[in-house]
C-alpha atoms as a PDB file:
ATOM      1  CA  UNK A   1      -1.087 -50.895 -13.018  1.00  0.00           C
ATOM      2  CA  UNK A   2      -0.542 -47.190 -12.054  1.00  0.00           C
ATOM      3  CA  UNK A   3      -3.006 -45.486  -9.949  1.00  0.00           C
ATOM      4  CA  UNK A   4      -4.580 -42.417 -11.268  1.00  0.00           C
ATOM      5  CA  UNK A   5      -4.847 -39.336  -8.829  1.00  0.00           C
ATOM      6  CA  UNK A   6      -7.648 -37.338 -10.293  1.00  0.00           C
ATOM      7  CA  UNK A   7      -7.829 -34.276  -8.312  1.00  0.00           C
ATOM      8  CA  UNK A   8      -8.195 -30.728  -9.360  1.00  0.00           C
ATOM      9  CA  UNK A   9      -5.024 -28.679  -8.814  1.00  0.00           C
ATOM     10  CA  UNK A  10      -6.649 -25.731  -7.319  1.00  0.00           C
ATOM     11  CA  UNK A  11      -8.350 -28.108  -4.554  1.00  0.00           C
ATOM     12  CA  UNK A  12      -4.785 -29.702  -3.737  1.00  0.00           C
ATOM     13  CA  UNK A  13      -3.494 -26.072  -3.328  1.00  0.00           C
ATOM     14  CA  UNK A  14      -6.272 -25.143  -1.243  1.00  0.00           C
ATOM     15  CA  UNK A  15      -5.750 -28.211   1.073  1.00  0.00           C
ATOM     16  CA  UNK A  16      -2.169 -27.702   1.269  1.00  0.00           C
ATOM     17  CA  UNK A  17      -2.529 -23.939   2.293  1.00  0.00           C
ATOM     18  CA  UNK A  18      -4.951 -25.173   4.793  1.00  0.00           C
ATOM     19  CA  UNK A  19      -3.009 -27.752   6.317  1.00  0.00           C
ATOM     20  CA  UNK A  20       0.225 -25.813   6.357  1.00  0.00           C
ATOM     21  CA  UNK A  21      -1.657 -22.900   8.237  1.00  0.00           C
ATOM     22  CA  UNK A  22      -0.119 -20.412   5.797  1.00  0.00           C
ATOM     23  CA  UNK A  23      -3.466 -18.570   4.568  1.00  0.00           C
ATOM     24  CA  UNK A  24      -3.227 -15.627   7.134  1.00  0.00           C
ATOM     25  CA  UNK A  25       0.163 -14.743   5.629  1.00  0.00           C
ATOM     26  CA  UNK A  26      -1.119 -15.048   2.218  1.00  0.00           C
ATOM     27  CA  UNK A  27      -4.111 -12.817   3.093  1.00  0.00           C
ATOM     28  CA  UNK A  28      -1.930 -10.357   4.457  1.00  0.00           C
ATOM     29  CA  UNK A  29       0.159 -10.194   1.415  1.00  0.00           C
ATOM     30  CA  UNK A  30      -3.148  -9.851  -0.847  1.00  0.00           C
ATOM     31  CA  UNK A  31      -4.173  -7.144   1.256  1.00  0.00           C
ATOM     32  CA  UNK A  32      -0.890  -5.165   1.103  1.00  0.00           C
ATOM     33  CA  UNK A  33      -1.015  -5.564  -2.768  1.00  0.00           C
ATOM     34  CA  UNK A  34      -4.685  -4.489  -3.014  1.00  0.00           C
ATOM     35  CA  UNK A  35      -4.036  -1.732  -0.501  1.00  0.00           C
ATOM     36  CA  UNK A  36      -1.247  -0.266  -2.799  1.00  0.00           C
ATOM     37  CA  UNK A  37      -3.201  -0.635  -6.133  1.00  0.00           C
ATOM     38  CA  UNK A  38      -6.599   0.604  -4.816  1.00  0.00           C
ATOM     39  CA  UNK A  39      -5.942   3.040  -2.053  1.00  0.00           C
ATOM     40  CA  UNK A  40      -3.609   5.074  -4.418  1.00  0.00           C
ATOM     41  CA  UNK A  41      -0.252   6.372  -3.929  1.00  0.00           C
ATOM     42  CA  UNK A  42      -1.011   9.014  -1.391  1.00  0.00           C
ATOM     43  CA  UNK A  43      -2.647   6.894   1.038  1.00  0.00           C
ATOM     44  CA  UNK A  44      -0.163   4.282   0.672  1.00  0.00           C
ATOM     45  CA  UNK A  45       2.794   6.685   1.263  1.00  0.00           C
ATOM     46  CA  UNK A  46       1.205   7.555   4.507  1.00  0.00           C
ATOM     47  CA  UNK A  47       0.600   3.913   5.277  1.00  0.00           C
ATOM     48  CA  UNK A  48       3.580   2.818   7.785  1.00  0.00           C
ATOM     49  CA  UNK A  49       2.523  -0.859   8.490  1.00  0.00           C
ATOM     50  CA  UNK A  50      -0.065  -3.450   7.552  1.00  0.00           C
ATOM     51  CA  UNK A  51      -0.460  -6.459   9.753  1.00  0.00           C
ATOM     52  CA  UNK A  52      -3.024  -9.241   9.906  1.00  0.00           C
ATOM     53  CA  UNK A  53      -3.249 -10.845  13.227  1.00  0.00           C
ATOM     54  CA  UNK A  54      -6.072 -13.249  14.687  1.00  0.00           C
ATOM     55  CA  UNK A  55      -8.813 -11.878  12.018  1.00  0.00           C
ATOM     56  CA  UNK A  56      -8.174  -8.303  12.810  1.00  0.00           C
ATOM     57  CA  UNK A  57      -6.131  -6.101  10.303  1.00  0.00           C
ATOM     58  CA  UNK A  58      -3.690  -3.431  12.017  1.00  0.00           C
ATOM     59  CA  UNK A  59      -3.066  -0.410   9.724  1.00  0.00           C
ATOM     60  CA  UNK A  60      -0.562   2.183  10.985  1.00  0.00           C
ATOM     61  CA  UNK A  61      -0.978   5.502   9.421  1.00  0.00           C
ATOM     62  CA  UNK A  62       1.134   8.537   9.731  1.00  0.00           C
ATOM     63  CA  UNK A  63      -1.321  11.167   9.218  1.00  0.00           C
ATOM     64  CA  UNK A  64      -4.134  12.085  11.788  1.00  0.00           C
ATOM     65  CA  UNK A  65      -6.496  13.444   9.387  1.00  0.00           C
ATOM     66  CA  UNK A  66      -6.161  10.315   6.992  1.00  0.00           C
ATOM     67  CA  UNK A  67      -6.237   8.152  10.028  1.00  0.00           C
ATOM     68  CA  UNK A  68      -9.625   9.578  11.157  1.00  0.00           C
ATOM     69  CA  UNK A  69     -11.074   9.595   7.511  1.00  0.00           C
ATOM     70  CA  UNK A  70     -10.331   5.899   7.260  1.00  0.00           C
ATOM     71  CA  UNK A  71     -12.062   5.486  10.556  1.00  0.00           C
ATOM     72  CA  UNK A  72     -15.222   6.452   9.371  1.00  0.00           C
ATOM     73  CA  UNK A  73     -15.129   4.002   6.508  1.00  0.00           C
ATOM     74  CA  UNK A  74     -13.713   0.958   8.519  1.00  0.00           C
ATOM     75  CA  UNK A  75     -16.883  -1.198   7.792  1.00  0.00           C
ATOM     76  CA  UNK A  76     -16.848  -0.718   4.126  1.00  0.00           C
ATOM     77  CA  UNK A  77     -13.107  -1.226   4.192  1.00  0.00           C
ATOM     78  CA  UNK A  78     -13.604  -4.695   5.862  1.00  0.00           C
ATOM     79  CA  UNK A  79     -16.137  -5.756   3.201  1.00  0.00           C
ATOM     80  CA  UNK A  80     -14.102  -4.859   0.690  1.00  0.00           C
ATOM     81  CA  UNK A  81     -10.908  -6.360   1.710  1.00  0.00           C
ATOM     82  CA  UNK A  82     -12.627  -9.681   2.563  1.00  0.00           C
ATOM     83  CA  UNK A  83     -14.186  -9.695  -0.859  1.00  0.00           C
ATOM     84  CA  UNK A  84     -10.644  -9.144  -2.371  1.00  0.00           C
ATOM     85  CA  UNK A  85      -9.175 -12.142  -0.211  1.00  0.00           C
ATOM     86  CA  UNK A  86     -12.130 -14.458  -1.128  1.00  0.00           C
ATOM     87  CA  UNK A  87     -13.577 -15.306   2.295  1.00  0.00           C
ATOM     88  CA  UNK A  88     -15.069 -13.361   5.501  1.00  0.00           C
ATOM     89  CA  UNK A  89     -11.658 -13.590   7.194  1.00  0.00           C
ATOM     90  CA  UNK A  90     -11.242  -9.890   8.595  1.00  0.00           C
ATOM     91  CA  UNK A  91     -13.530  -9.187  11.320  1.00  0.00           C
ATOM     92  CA  UNK A  92     -11.995  -5.944  12.429  1.00  0.00           C
ATOM     93  CA  UNK A  93      -9.844  -3.188  11.568  1.00  0.00           C
ATOM     94  CA  UNK A  94      -7.493  -1.275  14.119  1.00  0.00           C
ATOM     95  CA  UNK A  95      -6.099   1.844  12.678  1.00  0.00           C
ATOM     96  CA  UNK A  96      -3.387   3.743  14.600  1.00  0.00           C
END
């Protein structure tokens, strides 16, 4: 008689992502899409690079005034981005 493997596909995928250690890259992809959709065309056009490394998000902005403005809202941005990726992953944002 055949064995039945009763597992929810979502749980299987979460375990697979965890075992393969690809969640940081998936988080980075979600953030890039979210950034483009929510921050708007203007801010996205001035954004040169978005990288996620060791729970820190590195954002390179080409406009000094925009960079300064984003620095003021770093804490709120961390909360919004963590909510978007579904866990408290980002601890800090470095805007350069």
